[in-house]
Amino acid sequence: MMDEAPIDFEALEHEQLLAWVALPVAAKVDFFEEMVEIAYLSGALSPERLALRDGAPSGRLP
């Protein structure tokens, strides 16, 4: 058995957040686009919820 320190969840979470912040913006955008595509293709998100309706935008602000 190895003498390893116990896993500190807060430290690991902090490291993960630092790694995410260090990613280029393009990588973050790619990630979110892929997640939306997976959700859409799996049926978890409808076109209405994704604002993918056919037709031109109304141009009105809420």
PDB file of N, CA and C in Angstrom:
ATOM      1  N   MET A   1       0.837  -1.182   0.000  1.00  0.00           N
ATOM      2  CA  MET A   1       0.000   0.000   0.000  1.00  0.00           C
ATOM      3  C   MET A   1       0.882   1.244   0.000  1.00  0.00           C
ATOM      4  N   MET A   2       0.479   2.220  -0.810  1.00  0.00           N
ATOM      5  CA  MET A   2       1.271   3.441  -0.924  1.00  0.00           C
ATOM      6  C   MET A   2       0.857   4.433   0.162  1.00  0.00           C
ATOM      7  N   ASP A   3       1.822   5.218   0.581  1.00  0.00           N
ATOM      8  CA  ASP A   3       1.534   6.252   1.579  1.00  0.00           C
ATOM      9  C   ASP A   3       1.121   7.531   0.859  1.00  0.00           C
ATOM     10  N   GLU A   4      -0.152   7.603   0.503  1.00  0.00           N
ATOM     11  CA  GLU A   4      -0.671   8.782  -0.191  1.00  0.00           C
ATOM     12  C   GLU A   4      -1.566   9.568   0.740  1.00  0.00           C
ATOM     13  N   ALA A   5      -1.552  10.865   0.562  1.00  0.00           N
ATOM     14  CA  ALA A   5      -2.437  11.718   1.344  1.00  0.00           C
ATOM     15  C   ALA A   5      -3.878  11.477   0.893  1.00  0.00           C
ATOM     16  N   PRO A   6      -4.819  11.647   1.801  1.00  0.00           N
ATOM     17  CA  PRO A   6      -6.218  11.487   1.403  1.00  0.00           C
ATOM     18  C   PRO A   6      -6.594  12.510   0.333  1.00  0.00           C
ATOM     19  N   ILE A   7      -7.550  12.136  -0.495  1.00  0.00           N
ATOM     20  CA  ILE A   7      -7.987  13.023  -1.568  1.00  0.00           C
ATOM     21  C   ILE A   7      -8.767  14.184  -0.964  1.00  0.00           C
ATOM     22  N   ASP A   8      -8.370  15.369  -1.315  1.00  0.00           N
ATOM     23  CA  ASP A   8      -9.042  16.579  -0.848  1.00  0.00           C
ATOM     24  C   ASP A   8      -9.926  17.098  -1.977  1.00  0.00           C
ATOM     25  N   PHE A   9     -11.236  16.893  -1.836  1.00  0.00           N
ATOM     26  CA  PHE A   9     -12.168  17.268  -2.888  1.00  0.00           C
ATOM     27  C   PHE A   9     -12.068  18.752  -3.235  1.00  0.00           C
ATOM     28  N   GLU A  10     -11.986  19.600  -2.240  1.00  0.00           N
ATOM     29  CA  GLU A  10     -11.921  21.043  -2.495  1.00  0.00           C
ATOM     30  C   GLU A  10     -10.672  21.414  -3.290  1.00  0.00           C
ATOM     31  N   ALA A  11      -9.547  20.792  -2.986  1.00  0.00           N
ATOM     32  CA  ALA A  11      -8.318  21.080  -3.723  1.00  0.00           C
ATOM     33  C   ALA A  11      -8.433  20.598  -5.165  1.00  0.00           C
ATOM     34  N   LEU A  12      -9.019  19.414  -5.348  1.00  0.00           N
ATOM     35  CA  LEU A  12      -9.197  18.899  -6.703  1.00  0.00           C
ATOM     36  C   LEU A  12     -10.161  19.775  -7.503  1.00  0.00           C
ATOM     37  N   GLU A  13     -11.234  20.213  -6.851  1.00  0.00           N
ATOM     38  CA  GLU A  13     -12.188  21.091  -7.524  1.00  0.00           C
ATOM     39  C   GLU A  13     -11.520  22.399  -7.934  1.00  0.00           C
ATOM     40  N   HIS A  14     -10.685  22.928  -7.067  1.00  0.00           N
ATOM     41  CA  HIS A  14      -9.967  24.172  -7.368  1.00  0.00           C
ATOM     42  C   HIS A  14      -9.034  23.978  -8.561  1.00  0.00           C
ATOM     43  N   GLU A  15      -8.317  22.863  -8.592  1.00  0.00           N
ATOM     44  CA  GLU A  15      -7.428  22.570  -9.719  1.00  0.00           C
ATOM     45  C   GLU A  15      -8.213  22.434 -11.019  1.00  0.00           C
ATOM     46  N   GLN A  16      -9.369  21.797 -10.955  1.00  0.00           N
ATOM     47  CA  GLN A  16     -10.206  21.633 -12.149  1.00  0.00           C
ATOM     48  C   GLN A  16     -10.695  22.993 -12.651  1.00  0.00           C
ATOM     49  N   LEU A  17     -11.094  23.857 -11.735  1.00  0.00           N
ATOM     50  CA  LEU A  17     -11.531  25.199 -12.135  1.00  0.00           C
ATOM     51  C   LEU A  17     -10.390  25.992 -12.757  1.00  0.00           C
ATOM     52  N   LEU A  18      -9.193  25.871 -12.199  1.00  0.00           N
ATOM     53  CA  LEU A  18      -8.043  26.572 -12.777  1.00  0.00           C
ATOM     54  C   LEU A  18      -7.735  26.052 -14.181  1.00  0.00           C
ATOM     55  N   ALA A  19      -7.871  24.739 -14.379  1.00  0.00           N
ATOM     56  CA  ALA A  19      -7.632  24.162 -15.702  1.00  0.00           C
ATOM     57  C   ALA A  19      -8.675  24.672 -16.697  1.00  0.00           C
ATOM     58  N   TRP A  20      -9.935  24.787 -16.261  1.00  0.00           N
ATOM     59  CA  TRP A  20     -11.005  25.279 -17.137  1.00  0.00           C
ATOM     60  C   TRP A  20     -10.739  26.742 -17.519  1.00  0.00           C
ATOM     61  N   VAL A  21     -10.346  27.549 -16.552  1.00  0.00           N
ATOM     62  CA  VAL A  21     -10.074  28.966 -16.815  1.00  0.00           C
ATOM     63  C   VAL A  21      -8.915  29.114 -17.789  1.00  0.00           C
ATOM     64  N   ALA A  22      -7.959  28.216 -17.727  1.00  0.00           N
ATOM     65  CA  ALA A  22      -6.776  28.300 -18.587  1.00  0.00           C
ATOM     66  C   ALA A  22      -7.070  27.906 -20.040  1.00  0.00           C
ATOM     67  N   LEU A  23      -8.187  27.227 -20.274  1.00  0.00           N
ATOM     68  CA  LEU A  23      -8.521  26.833 -21.644  1.00  0.00           C
ATOM     69  C   LEU A  23      -8.788  28.056 -22.511  1.00  0.00           C
ATOM     70  N   PRO A  24      -8.426  27.999 -23.772  1.00  0.00           N
ATOM     71  CA  PRO A  24      -8.757  29.100 -24.681  1.00  0.00           C
ATOM     72  C   PRO A  24     -10.278  29.204 -24.844  1.00  0.00           C
ATOM     73  N   VAL A  25     -10.742  30.402 -25.131  1.00  0.00           N
ATOM     74  CA  VAL A  25     -12.172  30.634 -25.312  1.00  0.00           C
ATOM     75  C   VAL A  25     -12.737  29.728 -26.409  1.00  0.00           C
ATOM     76  N   ALA A  26     -11.999  29.540 -27.484  1.00  0.00           N
ATOM     77  CA  ALA A  26     -12.474  28.696 -28.580  1.00  0.00           C
ATOM     78  C   ALA A  26     -12.742  27.268 -28.107  1.00  0.00           C
ATOM     79  N   ALA A  27     -11.915  26.751 -27.219  1.00  0.00           N
ATOM     80  CA  ALA A  27     -12.116  25.404 -26.691  1.00  0.00           C
ATOM     81  C   ALA A  27     -13.376  25.337 -25.837  1.00  0.00           C
ATOM     82  N   LYS A  28     -13.634  26.386 -25.071  1.00  0.00           N
ATOM     83  CA  LYS A  28     -14.849  26.431 -24.247  1.00  0.00           C
ATOM     84  C   LYS A  28     -16.094  26.489 -25.127  1.00  0.00           C
ATOM     85  N   VAL A  29     -16.057  27.301 -26.170  1.00  0.00           N
ATOM     86  CA  VAL A  29     -17.188  27.402 -27.096  1.00  0.00           C
ATOM     87  C   VAL A  29     -17.422  26.065 -27.782  1.00  0.00           C
ATOM     88  N   ASP A  30     -16.359  25.413 -28.233  1.00  0.00           N
ATOM     89  CA  ASP A  30     -16.486  24.096 -28.856  1.00  0.00           C
ATOM     90  C   ASP A  30     -17.134  23.100 -27.899  1.00  0.00           C
ATOM     91  N   PHE A  31     -16.724  23.124 -26.644  1.00  0.00           N
ATOM     92  CA  PHE A  31     -17.278  22.220 -25.644  1.00  0.00           C
ATOM     93  C   PHE A  31     -18.783  22.432 -25.503  1.00  0.00           C
ATOM     94  N   PHE A  32     -19.207  23.679 -25.327  1.00  0.00           N
ATOM     95  CA  PHE A  32     -20.625  23.945 -25.142  1.00  0.00           C
ATOM     96  C   PHE A  32     -21.436  23.633 -26.393  1.00  0.00           C
ATOM     97  N   GLU A  33     -20.880  23.914 -27.559  1.00  0.00           N
ATOM     98  CA  GLU A  33     -21.594  23.571 -28.793  1.00  0.00           C
ATOM     99  C   GLU A  33     -21.781  22.065 -28.900  1.00  0.00           C
ATOM    100  N   GLU A  34     -20.760  21.313 -28.527  1.00  0.00           N
ATOM    101  CA  GLU A  34     -20.870  19.856 -28.579  1.00  0.00           C
ATOM    102  C   GLU A  34     -21.902  19.350 -27.570  1.00  0.00           C
ATOM    103  N   MET A  35     -21.930  19.919 -26.382  1.00  0.00           N
ATOM    104  CA  MET A  35     -22.907  19.499 -25.375  1.00  0.00           C
ATOM    105  C   MET A  35     -24.336  19.799 -25.828  1.00  0.00           C
ATOM    106  N   VAL A  36     -24.546  20.956 -26.446  1.00  0.00           N
ATOM    107  CA  VAL A  36     -25.873  21.302 -26.957  1.00  0.00           C
ATOM    108  C   VAL A  36     -26.266  20.346 -28.080  1.00  0.00           C
ATOM    109  N   GLU A  37     -25.332  20.033 -28.963  1.00  0.00           N
ATOM    110  CA  GLU A  37     -25.624  19.112 -30.060  1.00  0.00           C
ATOM    111  C   GLU A  37     -25.994  17.728 -29.533  1.00  0.00           C
ATOM    112  N   ILE A  38     -25.255  17.243 -28.547  1.00  0.00           N
ATOM    113  CA  ILE A  38     -25.559  15.938 -27.957  1.00  0.00           C
ATOM    114  C   ILE A  38     -26.945  15.961 -27.316  1.00  0.00           C
ATOM    115  N   ALA A  39     -27.249  17.021 -26.579  1.00  0.00           N
ATOM    116  CA  ALA A  39     -28.562  17.124 -25.941  1.00  0.00           C
ATOM    117  C   ALA A  39     -29.674  17.180 -26.976  1.00  0.00           C
ATOM    118  N   TYR A  40     -29.457  17.916 -28.051  1.00  0.00           N
ATOM    119  CA  TYR A  40     -30.471  18.024 -29.107  1.00  0.00           C
ATOM    120  C   TYR A  40     -30.669  16.687 -29.812  1.00  0.00           C
ATOM    121  N   LEU A  41     -29.576  16.034 -30.206  1.00  0.00           N
ATOM    122  CA  LEU A  41     -29.675  14.765 -30.931  1.00  0.00           C
ATOM    123  C   LEU A  41     -30.256  13.646 -30.073  1.00  0.00           C
ATOM    124  N   SER A  42     -30.074  13.740 -28.769  1.00  0.00           N
ATOM    125  CA  SER A  42     -30.622  12.718 -27.880  1.00  0.00           C
ATOM    126  C   SER A  42     -32.091  12.960 -27.570  1.00  0.00           C
ATOM    127  N   GLY A  43     -32.604  14.126 -27.979  1.00  0.00           N
ATOM    128  CA  GLY A  43     -34.001  14.448 -27.707  1.00  0.00           C
ATOM    129  C   GLY A  43     -34.212  15.161 -26.384  1.00  0.00           C
ATOM    130  N   ALA A  44     -33.133  15.455 -25.678  1.00  0.00           N
ATOM    131  CA  ALA A  44     -33.257  16.125 -24.383  1.00  0.00           C
ATOM    132  C   ALA A  44     -33.652  17.594 -24.533  1.00  0.00           C
ATOM    133  N   LEU A  45     -33.331  18.202 -25.672  1.00  0.00           N
ATOM    134  CA  LEU A  45     -33.695  19.596 -25.927  1.00  0.00           C
ATOM    135  C   LEU A  45     -34.464  19.679 -27.237  1.00  0.00           C
ATOM    136  N   SER A  46     -35.538  20.419 -27.209  1.00  0.00           N
ATOM    137  CA  SER A  46     -36.337  20.605 -28.419  1.00  0.00           C
ATOM    138  C   SER A  46     -35.825  21.815 -29.194  1.00  0.00           C
ATOM    139  N   PRO A  47     -36.144  21.894 -30.494  1.00  0.00           N
ATOM    140  CA  PRO A  47     -35.716  23.060 -31.273  1.00  0.00           C
ATOM    141  C   PRO A  47     -36.232  24.370 -30.676  1.00  0.00           C
ATOM    142  N   GLU A  48     -37.426  24.345 -30.109  1.00  0.00           N
ATOM    143  CA  GLU A  48     -37.977  25.561 -29.511  1.00  0.00           C
ATOM    144  C   GLU A  48     -37.133  26.042 -28.343  1.00  0.00           C
ATOM    145  N   ARG A  49     -36.669  25.106 -27.557  1.00  0.00           N
ATOM    146  CA  ARG A  49     -35.840  25.486 -26.406  1.00  0.00           C
ATOM    147  C   ARG A  49     -34.471  25.982 -26.845  1.00  0.00           C
ATOM    148  N   LEU A  50     -34.031  25.578 -28.011  1.00  0.00           N
ATOM    149  CA  LEU A  50     -32.728  26.000 -28.518  1.00  0.00           C
ATOM    150  C   LEU A  50     -32.822  27.223 -29.427  1.00  0.00           C
ATOM    151  N   ALA A  51     -34.046  27.726 -29.601  1.00  0.00           N
ATOM    152  CA  ALA A  51     -34.276  28.868 -30.492  1.00  0.00           C
ATOM    153  C   ALA A  51     -33.832  28.533 -31.907  1.00  0.00           C
ATOM    154  N   LEU A  52     -34.110  27.303 -32.343  1.00  0.00           N
ATOM    155  CA  LEU A  52     -33.746  26.880 -33.690  1.00  0.00           C
ATOM    156  C   LEU A  52     -34.964  26.873 -34.606  1.00  0.00           C
ATOM    157  N   ARG A  53     -35.972  27.648 -34.267  1.00  0.00           N
ATOM    158  CA  ARG A  53     -37.186  27.680 -35.064  1.00  0.00           C
ATOM    159  C   ARG A  53     -36.896  28.233 -36.447  1.00  0.00           C
ATOM    160  N   ASP A  54     -37.673  27.791 -37.438  1.00  0.00           N
ATOM    161  CA  ASP A  54     -37.546  28.335 -38.783  1.00  0.00           C
ATOM    162  C   ASP A  54     -38.099  29.751 -38.807  1.00  0.00           C
ATOM    163  N   GLY A  55     -37.588  30.555 -39.710  1.00  0.00           N
ATOM    164  CA  GLY A  55     -38.076  31.917 -39.864  1.00  0.00           C
ATOM    165  C   GLY A  55     -37.079  32.921 -39.323  1.00  0.00           C
ATOM    166  N   ALA A  56     -37.314  34.138 -39.732  1.00  0.00           N
ATOM    167  CA  ALA A  56     -36.422  35.231 -39.322  1.00  0.00           C
ATOM    168  C   ALA A  56     -36.752  35.665 -37.897  1.00  0.00           C
ATOM    169  N   PRO A  57     -35.766  36.125 -37.167  1.00  0.00           N
ATOM    170  CA  PRO A  57     -36.030  36.635 -35.823  1.00  0.00           C
ATOM    171  C   PRO A  57     -36.934  37.859 -35.899  1.00  0.00           C
ATOM    172  N   SER A  58     -37.742  38.050 -34.867  1.00  0.00           N
ATOM    173  CA  SER A  58     -38.694  39.164 -34.868  1.00  0.00           C
ATOM    174  C   SER A  58     -37.998  40.506 -34.693  1.00  0.00           C
ATOM    175  N   GLY A  59     -36.844  40.497 -34.055  1.00  0.00           N
ATOM    176  CA  GLY A  59     -36.123  41.738 -33.836  1.00  0.00           C
ATOM    177  C   GLY A  59     -36.607  42.490 -32.611  1.00  0.00           C
ATOM    178  N   ARG A  60     -37.613  41.937 -31.950  1.00  0.00           N
ATOM    179  CA  ARG A  60     -38.140  42.591 -30.740  1.00  0.00           C
ATOM    180  C   ARG A  60     -37.385  42.092 -29.515  1.00  0.00           C
ATOM    181  N   LEU A  61     -37.126  43.003 -28.627  1.00  0.00           N
ATOM    182  CA  LEU A  61     -36.504  42.625 -27.373  1.00  0.00           C
ATOM    183  C   LEU A  61     -37.598  42.344 -26.354  1.00  0.00           C
ATOM    184  N   PRO A  62     -37.359  41.398 -25.448  1.00  0.00           N
ATOM    185  CA  PRO A  62     -38.394  41.105 -24.434  1.00  0.00           C
ATOM    186  C   PRO A  62     -38.612  42.254 -23.500  1.00  0.00           C
TER     187      PRO A  62
END
